[in-house]
Amino acid sequence: MDITASPSLFQFAETSFPAIFAIWALVLRVWVGVVLVLYALRASFQFFPNTGMPVQTVAGTAAYMEKFGWKPGMFWAWLSTVNNLVGGALLALGLFTRPVALTCAALLFLSAIHHIKDGFFSNQNGFEHYALWGFCALFFVFYGGGPISLDRLIWQLL
């Protein structure tokens, strides 16, 4: 048996990578978008009670933000809520992906900077999880919606 005659794993990966990458980018984009929507529903509209979050209304989020110097708190609370709810849905759909991902990443990185004082780990309210989600969103600023997105579909129809 001549093992050099069989196709290598590298050859398979080289020819399959674009399709596999497109699928994984789709999965990541949908996951990030859905998580942002769920976060907004939990933090601002009282969905998923008893999940460990102390603020569960827009007013509560505004008070929390005011307490830590994000003034006016109601502006930041609504900006964060709309960004996560609408931006997350648009990101999941792959619609207006780059600008939406940019606003999501910007607000997530602002949150990460705010939480640096609390340390790294998210279980101590540190910046870890905000930075992680910020980098996930930032990926789509550069990559766009990918081949499996409403952005691509609309572009093809134009």
N, C-alpha and C. Protein backbone atom coordinates (compact mmCIF):
# COMPACT_ATOMS: atom_id res chain seq x y z
N MET A 1 0.84 -1.19 0.00
CA MET A 1 0.00 0.00 0.00
C MET A 1 0.88 1.24 0.00
N ASP A 2 0.64 2.10 -0.93
CA ASP A 2 1.42 3.33 -1.05
C ASP A 2 0.67 4.48 -0.38
N ILE A 3 1.14 4.87 0.81
CA ILE A 3 0.42 5.93 1.54
C ILE A 3 0.62 7.29 0.90
N THR A 4 1.65 7.44 0.09
CA THR A 4 1.86 8.73 -0.56
C THR A 4 0.86 8.97 -1.69
N ALA A 5 0.18 7.91 -2.15
CA ALA A 5 -0.78 8.05 -3.24
C ALA A 5 -2.14 8.51 -2.74
N SER A 6 -2.41 8.34 -1.47
CA SER A 6 -3.72 8.74 -0.94
C SER A 6 -3.73 10.23 -0.66
N PRO A 7 -4.90 10.86 -0.78
CA PRO A 7 -4.97 12.30 -0.50
C PRO A 7 -4.66 12.57 0.97
N SER A 8 -3.93 13.62 1.21
CA SER A 8 -3.58 13.94 2.59
C SER A 8 -4.66 14.77 3.25
N LEU A 9 -4.57 14.81 4.54
CA LEU A 9 -5.50 15.65 5.31
C LEU A 9 -5.33 17.11 4.91
N PHE A 10 -4.09 17.51 4.62
CA PHE A 10 -3.84 18.90 4.23
C PHE A 10 -4.49 19.23 2.89
N GLN A 11 -4.46 18.29 1.97
CA GLN A 11 -5.12 18.53 0.68
C GLN A 11 -6.62 18.67 0.88
N PHE A 12 -7.19 17.83 1.74
CA PHE A 12 -8.62 17.92 2.03
C PHE A 12 -8.95 19.27 2.65
N ALA A 13 -8.15 19.66 3.64
CA ALA A 13 -8.39 20.93 4.32
C ALA A 13 -8.24 22.11 3.37
N GLU A 14 -7.26 22.02 2.51
CA GLU A 14 -7.01 23.11 1.56
C GLU A 14 -8.18 23.32 0.60
N THR A 15 -8.78 22.23 0.15
CA THR A 15 -9.89 22.36 -0.79
C THR A 15 -11.22 22.58 -0.08
N SER A 16 -11.35 22.16 1.16
CA SER A 16 -12.62 22.26 1.88
C SER A 16 -12.70 23.47 2.80
N PHE A 17 -11.58 24.08 3.10
CA PHE A 17 -11.55 25.14 4.09
C PHE A 17 -12.53 26.28 3.80
N PRO A 18 -12.61 26.82 2.59
CA PRO A 18 -13.55 27.93 2.38
C PRO A 18 -14.99 27.58 2.74
N ALA A 19 -15.44 26.41 2.38
CA ALA A 19 -16.82 26.01 2.70
C ALA A 19 -16.99 25.79 4.20
N ILE A 20 -16.02 25.13 4.81
CA ILE A 20 -16.10 24.87 6.25
C ILE A 20 -16.04 26.19 7.02
N PHE A 21 -15.14 27.08 6.61
CA PHE A 21 -15.01 28.37 7.28
C PHE A 21 -16.30 29.17 7.16
N ALA A 22 -16.93 29.16 6.01
CA ALA A 22 -18.18 29.90 5.82
C ALA A 22 -19.26 29.39 6.77
N ILE A 23 -19.31 28.08 6.97
CA ILE A 23 -20.31 27.51 7.88
C ILE A 23 -20.00 27.89 9.32
N TRP A 24 -18.73 27.79 9.72
CA TRP A 24 -18.37 28.16 11.09
C TRP A 24 -18.55 29.65 11.34
N ALA A 25 -18.28 30.48 10.35
CA ALA A 25 -18.52 31.92 10.50
C ALA A 25 -20.01 32.19 10.66
N LEU A 26 -20.84 31.47 9.92
CA LEU A 26 -22.29 31.58 10.07
C LEU A 26 -22.71 31.20 11.48
N VAL A 27 -22.21 30.07 11.97
CA VAL A 27 -22.56 29.61 13.32
C VAL A 27 -22.13 30.65 14.35
N LEU A 28 -20.91 31.17 14.23
CA LEU A 28 -20.43 32.17 15.18
C LEU A 28 -21.27 33.44 15.10
N ARG A 29 -21.59 33.90 13.90
CA ARG A 29 -22.36 35.13 13.72
C ARG A 29 -23.75 34.98 14.35
N VAL A 30 -24.42 33.87 14.08
CA VAL A 30 -25.75 33.64 14.65
C VAL A 30 -25.67 33.53 16.16
N TRP A 31 -24.67 32.81 16.65
CA TRP A 31 -24.51 32.63 18.10
C TRP A 31 -24.30 33.97 18.79
N VAL A 32 -23.39 34.79 18.29
CA VAL A 32 -23.11 36.09 18.89
C VAL A 32 -24.37 36.96 18.86
N GLY A 33 -25.05 36.99 17.73
CA GLY A 33 -26.27 37.79 17.62
C GLY A 33 -27.35 37.35 18.59
N VAL A 34 -27.57 36.04 18.67
CA VAL A 34 -28.61 35.51 19.56
C VAL A 34 -28.26 35.79 21.02
N VAL A 35 -27.00 35.63 21.39
CA VAL A 35 -26.60 35.90 22.77
C VAL A 35 -26.81 37.37 23.12
N LEU A 36 -26.50 38.27 22.20
CA LEU A 36 -26.74 39.70 22.46
C LEU A 36 -28.23 39.97 22.66
N VAL A 37 -29.08 39.36 21.86
CA VAL A 37 -30.53 39.53 22.01
C VAL A 37 -30.97 39.00 23.37
N LEU A 38 -30.52 37.81 23.72
CA LEU A 38 -30.90 37.22 25.01
C LEU A 38 -30.42 38.09 26.17
N TYR A 39 -29.23 38.62 26.05
CA TYR A 39 -28.69 39.50 27.09
C TYR A 39 -29.56 40.74 27.26
N ALA A 40 -30.00 41.33 26.15
CA ALA A 40 -30.87 42.51 26.23
C ALA A 40 -32.21 42.17 26.86
N LEU A 41 -32.77 41.03 26.48
CA LEU A 41 -34.05 40.62 27.05
C LEU A 41 -33.94 40.41 28.55
N ARG A 42 -32.82 39.85 28.98
CA ARG A 42 -32.61 39.58 30.40
C ARG A 42 -32.31 40.86 31.17
N ALA A 43 -31.43 41.71 30.62
CA ALA A 43 -30.98 42.89 31.35
C ALA A 43 -32.00 44.01 31.37
N SER A 44 -32.89 44.07 30.38
CA SER A 44 -33.75 45.24 30.26
C SER A 44 -35.25 44.95 30.27
N PHE A 45 -35.64 43.71 30.03
CA PHE A 45 -37.07 43.41 29.89
C PHE A 45 -37.55 42.28 30.78
N GLN A 46 -36.78 41.95 31.81
CA GLN A 46 -37.16 41.00 32.84
C GLN A 46 -37.37 39.56 32.34
N PHE A 47 -36.77 39.21 31.21
CA PHE A 47 -36.81 37.81 30.78
C PHE A 47 -35.79 37.03 31.61
N PHE A 48 -36.00 35.75 31.75
CA PHE A 48 -35.08 34.84 32.44
C PHE A 48 -34.80 35.29 33.88
N PRO A 49 -35.87 35.39 34.71
CA PRO A 49 -35.66 35.82 36.10
C PRO A 49 -34.82 34.80 36.87
N ASN A 50 -34.24 35.26 37.94
CA ASN A 50 -33.45 34.42 38.85
C ASN A 50 -32.24 33.79 38.16
N THR A 51 -31.62 34.54 37.26
CA THR A 51 -30.42 34.03 36.60
C THR A 51 -29.18 34.77 37.07
N GLY A 52 -29.28 35.47 38.19
CA GLY A 52 -28.11 36.08 38.79
C GLY A 52 -27.84 37.51 38.40
N MET A 53 -28.69 38.09 37.59
CA MET A 53 -28.45 39.47 37.15
C MET A 53 -29.21 40.42 38.07
N PRO A 54 -28.54 41.44 38.63
CA PRO A 54 -29.24 42.33 39.56
C PRO A 54 -30.17 43.35 38.91
N VAL A 55 -29.97 43.70 37.64
CA VAL A 55 -30.82 44.68 36.98
C VAL A 55 -31.60 44.01 35.87
N GLN A 56 -32.92 44.21 35.86
CA GLN A 56 -33.74 43.53 34.86
C GLN A 56 -34.77 44.43 34.21
N THR A 57 -34.56 45.74 34.28
CA THR A 57 -35.41 46.70 33.58
C THR A 57 -34.49 47.77 32.99
N VAL A 58 -35.00 48.52 32.03
CA VAL A 58 -34.21 49.60 31.47
C VAL A 58 -33.91 50.64 32.56
N ALA A 59 -34.90 50.93 33.40
CA ALA A 59 -34.69 51.90 34.48
C ALA A 59 -33.62 51.40 35.46
N GLY A 60 -33.66 50.11 35.77
CA GLY A 60 -32.64 49.53 36.65
C GLY A 60 -31.25 49.59 36.03
N THR A 61 -31.18 49.32 34.74
CA THR A 61 -29.90 49.41 34.03
C THR A 61 -29.41 50.85 34.04
N ALA A 62 -30.32 51.79 33.83
CA ALA A 62 -29.95 53.21 33.84
C ALA A 62 -29.41 53.62 35.21
N ALA A 63 -30.06 53.18 36.28
CA ALA A 63 -29.60 53.50 37.63
C ALA A 63 -28.21 52.90 37.88
N TYR A 64 -28.00 51.68 37.43
CA TYR A 64 -26.70 51.03 37.57
C TYR A 64 -25.63 51.83 36.82
N MET A 65 -25.94 52.25 35.61
CA MET A 65 -24.98 53.00 34.81
C MET A 65 -24.69 54.37 35.42
N GLU A 66 -25.71 55.04 35.91
CA GLU A 66 -25.52 56.34 36.59
C GLU A 66 -24.59 56.17 37.80
N LYS A 67 -24.81 55.10 38.55
CA LYS A 67 -24.03 54.83 39.75
C LYS A 67 -22.53 54.75 39.45
N PHE A 68 -22.21 54.25 38.28
CA PHE A 68 -20.80 54.08 37.91
C PHE A 68 -20.30 55.15 36.94
N GLY A 69 -21.06 56.26 36.81
CA GLY A 69 -20.57 57.40 36.07
C GLY A 69 -20.95 57.46 34.60
N TRP A 70 -21.78 56.56 34.14
CA TRP A 70 -22.23 56.58 32.74
C TRP A 70 -23.47 57.47 32.68
N LYS A 71 -23.27 58.75 32.47
CA LYS A 71 -24.37 59.71 32.52
C LYS A 71 -24.61 60.31 31.15
N PRO A 72 -25.85 60.54 30.80
CA PRO A 72 -27.06 60.15 31.54
C PRO A 72 -27.32 58.65 31.41
N GLY A 73 -27.63 58.06 32.52
CA GLY A 73 -27.82 56.62 32.58
C GLY A 73 -28.90 56.09 31.65
N MET A 74 -29.99 56.84 31.51
CA MET A 74 -31.08 56.38 30.65
C MET A 74 -30.62 56.33 29.19
N PHE A 75 -29.80 57.27 28.76
CA PHE A 75 -29.25 57.24 27.39
C PHE A 75 -28.44 55.97 27.18
N TRP A 76 -27.50 55.70 28.11
CA TRP A 76 -26.64 54.53 27.96
C TRP A 76 -27.42 53.24 28.08
N ALA A 77 -28.42 53.23 28.94
CA ALA A 77 -29.24 52.01 29.10
C ALA A 77 -30.00 51.70 27.81
N TRP A 78 -30.62 52.72 27.23
CA TRP A 78 -31.35 52.49 25.97
C TRP A 78 -30.41 52.19 24.82
N LEU A 79 -29.27 52.88 24.78
CA LEU A 79 -28.30 52.61 23.71
C LEU A 79 -27.83 51.16 23.78
N SER A 80 -27.50 50.70 24.96
CA SER A 80 -27.06 49.32 25.15
C SER A 80 -28.17 48.33 24.81
N THR A 81 -29.37 48.63 25.26
CA THR A 81 -30.51 47.74 25.03
C THR A 81 -30.83 47.62 23.55
N VAL A 82 -30.96 48.76 22.88
CA VAL A 82 -31.28 48.74 21.44
C VAL A 82 -30.14 48.11 20.65
N ASN A 83 -28.90 48.45 21.02
CA ASN A 83 -27.75 47.86 20.34
C ASN A 83 -27.78 46.34 20.44
N ASN A 84 -28.00 45.82 21.64
CA ASN A 84 -28.00 44.37 21.82
C ASN A 84 -29.22 43.71 21.20
N LEU A 85 -30.37 44.33 21.34
CA LEU A 85 -31.61 43.72 20.84
C LEU A 85 -31.69 43.80 19.32
N VAL A 86 -31.60 44.99 18.77
CA VAL A 86 -31.72 45.17 17.32
C VAL A 86 -30.41 44.75 16.64
N GLY A 87 -29.29 45.23 17.18
CA GLY A 87 -28.00 44.88 16.59
C GLY A 87 -27.74 43.38 16.62
N GLY A 88 -28.09 42.74 17.72
CA GLY A 88 -27.92 41.30 17.82
C GLY A 88 -28.75 40.55 16.79
N ALA A 89 -30.00 40.98 16.61
CA ALA A 89 -30.87 40.34 15.61
C ALA A 89 -30.33 40.55 14.20
N LEU A 90 -29.88 41.77 13.90
CA LEU A 90 -29.32 42.04 12.57
C LEU A 90 -28.03 41.25 12.34
N LEU A 91 -27.23 41.14 13.37
CA LEU A 91 -26.00 40.37 13.26
C LEU A 91 -26.32 38.90 12.99
N ALA A 92 -27.27 38.35 13.72
CA ALA A 92 -27.65 36.94 13.51
C ALA A 92 -28.14 36.71 12.08
N LEU A 93 -28.85 37.68 11.53
CA LEU A 93 -29.36 37.56 10.16
C LEU A 93 -28.29 37.87 9.11
N GLY A 94 -27.23 38.52 9.53
CA GLY A 94 -26.21 38.93 8.56
C GLY A 94 -26.67 40.09 7.71
N LEU A 95 -27.38 41.01 8.33
CA LEU A 95 -27.90 42.18 7.62
C LEU A 95 -27.24 43.44 8.18
N PHE A 96 -26.64 44.24 7.30
CA PHE A 96 -25.84 45.40 7.72
C PHE A 96 -24.75 44.97 8.69
N THR A 97 -24.15 43.84 8.41
CA THR A 97 -23.27 43.17 9.35
C THR A 97 -22.11 44.03 9.84
N ARG A 98 -21.39 44.64 8.93
CA ARG A 98 -20.20 45.39 9.36
C ARG A 98 -20.53 46.58 10.27
N PRO A 99 -21.46 47.47 9.89
CA PRO A 99 -21.74 48.59 10.81
C PRO A 99 -22.36 48.13 12.13
N VAL A 100 -23.21 47.12 12.07
CA VAL A 100 -23.83 46.61 13.30
C VAL A 100 -22.76 45.99 14.20
N ALA A 101 -21.88 45.20 13.61
CA ALA A 101 -20.81 44.57 14.39
C ALA A 101 -19.90 45.63 15.00
N LEU A 102 -19.68 46.72 14.29
CA LEU A 102 -18.84 47.79 14.81
C LEU A 102 -19.46 48.43 16.05
N THR A 103 -20.76 48.72 16.00
CA THR A 103 -21.39 49.32 17.18
C THR A 103 -21.43 48.34 18.34
N CYS A 104 -21.69 47.07 18.04
CA CYS A 104 -21.68 46.05 19.10
C CYS A 104 -20.29 45.96 19.73
N ALA A 105 -19.27 45.86 18.90
CA ALA A 105 -17.90 45.75 19.41
C ALA A 105 -17.52 46.98 20.23
N ALA A 106 -17.87 48.15 19.74
CA ALA A 106 -17.52 49.39 20.45
C ALA A 106 -18.13 49.41 21.85
N LEU A 107 -19.41 49.10 21.95
CA LEU A 107 -20.05 49.12 23.28
C LEU A 107 -19.53 48.01 24.18
N LEU A 108 -19.24 46.86 23.60
CA LEU A 108 -18.68 45.76 24.41
C LEU A 108 -17.28 46.11 24.91
N PHE A 109 -16.47 46.75 24.07
CA PHE A 109 -15.15 47.15 24.53
C PHE A 109 -15.22 48.27 25.56
N LEU A 110 -16.19 49.18 25.44
CA LEU A 110 -16.39 50.19 26.49
C LEU A 110 -16.74 49.52 27.81
N SER A 111 -17.59 48.50 27.75
CA SER A 111 -17.93 47.75 28.96
C SER A 111 -16.71 47.04 29.53
N ALA A 112 -15.90 46.46 28.65
CA ALA A 112 -14.69 45.77 29.10
C ALA A 112 -13.76 46.75 29.82
N ILE A 113 -13.58 47.92 29.24
CA ILE A 113 -12.71 48.94 29.86
C ILE A 113 -13.26 49.33 31.22
N HIS A 114 -14.56 49.50 31.30
CA HIS A 114 -15.19 49.84 32.58
C HIS A 114 -14.93 48.76 33.63
N HIS A 115 -14.93 47.50 33.23
CA HIS A 115 -14.80 46.39 34.18
C HIS A 115 -13.36 45.96 34.44
N ILE A 116 -12.38 46.63 33.85
CA ILE A 116 -10.97 46.29 34.12
C ILE A 116 -10.67 46.40 35.61
N LYS A 117 -11.26 47.39 36.26
CA LYS A 117 -11.03 47.61 37.69
C LYS A 117 -11.46 46.42 38.53
N ASP A 118 -12.36 45.58 37.99
CA ASP A 118 -12.88 44.43 38.73
C ASP A 118 -12.05 43.17 38.50
N GLY A 119 -11.02 43.27 37.68
CA GLY A 119 -10.18 42.10 37.41
C GLY A 119 -10.54 41.47 36.07
N PHE A 120 -10.00 40.30 35.86
CA PHE A 120 -10.15 39.62 34.57
C PHE A 120 -11.40 38.76 34.50
N PHE A 121 -11.63 37.91 35.49
CA PHE A 121 -12.63 36.85 35.38
C PHE A 121 -14.06 37.36 35.49
N SER A 122 -14.94 36.80 34.66
CA SER A 122 -16.33 37.24 34.62
C SER A 122 -17.08 36.91 35.91
N ASN A 123 -16.69 35.84 36.61
CA ASN A 123 -17.39 35.50 37.85
C ASN A 123 -17.11 36.53 38.95
N GLN A 124 -16.15 37.42 38.71
CA GLN A 124 -15.86 38.52 39.64
C GLN A 124 -16.25 39.85 39.01
N ASN A 125 -17.11 39.79 37.98
CA ASN A 125 -17.56 40.97 37.23
C ASN A 125 -16.41 41.65 36.49
N GLY A 126 -15.41 40.86 36.13
CA GLY A 126 -14.26 41.39 35.41
C GLY A 126 -14.54 41.60 33.94
N PHE A 127 -13.51 41.97 33.21
CA PHE A 127 -13.69 42.36 31.81
C PHE A 127 -13.68 41.20 30.83
N GLU A 128 -13.35 40.01 31.28
CA GLU A 128 -13.19 38.84 30.40
C GLU A 128 -14.32 38.67 29.41
N HIS A 129 -15.54 38.58 29.90
CA HIS A 129 -16.64 38.23 28.99
C HIS A 129 -16.98 39.37 28.04
N TYR A 130 -16.86 40.60 28.49
CA TYR A 130 -17.13 41.74 27.60
C TYR A 130 -16.09 41.80 26.48
N ALA A 131 -14.83 41.57 26.84
CA ALA A 131 -13.77 41.58 25.82
C ALA A 131 -13.93 40.42 24.85
N LEU A 132 -14.26 39.25 25.36
CA LEU A 132 -14.46 38.08 24.48
C LEU A 132 -15.56 38.35 23.46
N TRP A 133 -16.71 38.83 23.92
CA TRP A 133 -17.81 39.13 22.99
C TRP A 133 -17.46 40.29 22.07
N GLY A 134 -16.68 41.25 22.59
CA GLY A 134 -16.24 42.36 21.75
C GLY A 134 -15.36 41.88 20.60
N PHE A 135 -14.44 40.96 20.89
CA PHE A 135 -13.58 40.43 19.82
C PHE A 135 -14.37 39.58 18.85
N CYS A 136 -15.37 38.86 19.35
CA CYS A 136 -16.24 38.09 18.43
C CYS A 136 -16.97 39.04 17.48
N ALA A 137 -17.50 40.12 18.00
CA ALA A 137 -18.19 41.10 17.15
C ALA A 137 -17.20 41.77 16.21
N LEU A 138 -16.01 42.07 16.70
CA LEU A 138 -15.00 42.73 15.87
C LEU A 138 -14.61 41.86 14.67
N PHE A 139 -14.62 40.56 14.83
CA PHE A 139 -14.32 39.67 13.71
C PHE A 139 -15.24 39.99 12.52
N PHE A 140 -16.52 40.24 12.80
CA PHE A 140 -17.48 40.48 11.72
C PHE A 140 -17.37 41.89 11.14
N VAL A 141 -16.71 42.81 11.84
CA VAL A 141 -16.41 44.11 11.24
C VAL A 141 -15.50 43.89 10.04
N PHE A 142 -14.55 42.99 10.18
CA PHE A 142 -13.58 42.74 9.11
C PHE A 142 -14.06 41.69 8.12
N TYR A 143 -14.72 40.64 8.60
CA TYR A 143 -15.15 39.54 7.73
C TYR A 143 -16.46 39.84 7.01
N GLY A 144 -17.31 40.65 7.63
CA GLY A 144 -18.63 40.90 7.06
C GLY A 144 -19.57 39.75 7.40
N GLY A 145 -20.67 39.71 6.70
CA GLY A 145 -21.68 38.68 6.95
C GLY A 145 -21.32 37.31 6.41
N GLY A 146 -20.40 37.28 5.47
CA GLY A 146 -19.99 36.01 4.88
C GLY A 146 -20.91 35.59 3.75
N PRO A 147 -20.60 34.45 3.14
CA PRO A 147 -21.38 34.01 1.98
C PRO A 147 -22.80 33.55 2.33
N ILE A 148 -23.04 33.25 3.60
CA ILE A 148 -24.38 32.81 4.01
C ILE A 148 -24.96 33.90 4.89
N SER A 149 -25.44 34.97 4.24
CA SER A 149 -25.97 36.12 4.98
C SER A 149 -26.96 36.88 4.10
N LEU A 150 -27.79 37.68 4.73
CA LEU A 150 -28.70 38.54 3.96
C LEU A 150 -27.91 39.61 3.23
N ASP A 151 -26.80 40.06 3.79
CA ASP A 151 -25.95 41.02 3.07
C ASP A 151 -25.55 40.46 1.71
N ARG A 152 -25.08 39.22 1.68
CA ARG A 152 -24.64 38.60 0.43
C ARG A 152 -25.81 38.42 -0.52
N LEU A 153 -26.95 37.99 0.02
CA LEU A 153 -28.12 37.79 -0.83
C LEU A 153 -28.56 39.10 -1.49
N ILE A 154 -28.62 40.16 -0.71
CA ILE A 154 -29.01 41.47 -1.24
C ILE A 154 -27.99 41.94 -2.27
N TRP A 155 -26.70 41.77 -1.98
CA TRP A 155 -25.65 42.18 -2.91
C TRP A 155 -25.78 41.44 -4.24
N GLN A 156 -26.13 40.16 -4.18
CA GLN A 156 -26.28 39.37 -5.41
C GLN A 156 -27.51 39.80 -6.21
N LEU A 157 -28.54 40.27 -5.52
CA LEU A 157 -29.77 40.71 -6.20
C LEU A 157 -29.63 42.08 -6.84
N LEU A 158 -28.67 42.85 -6.39
CA LEU A 158 -28.50 44.21 -6.93
C LEU A 158 -27.85 44.21 -8.27
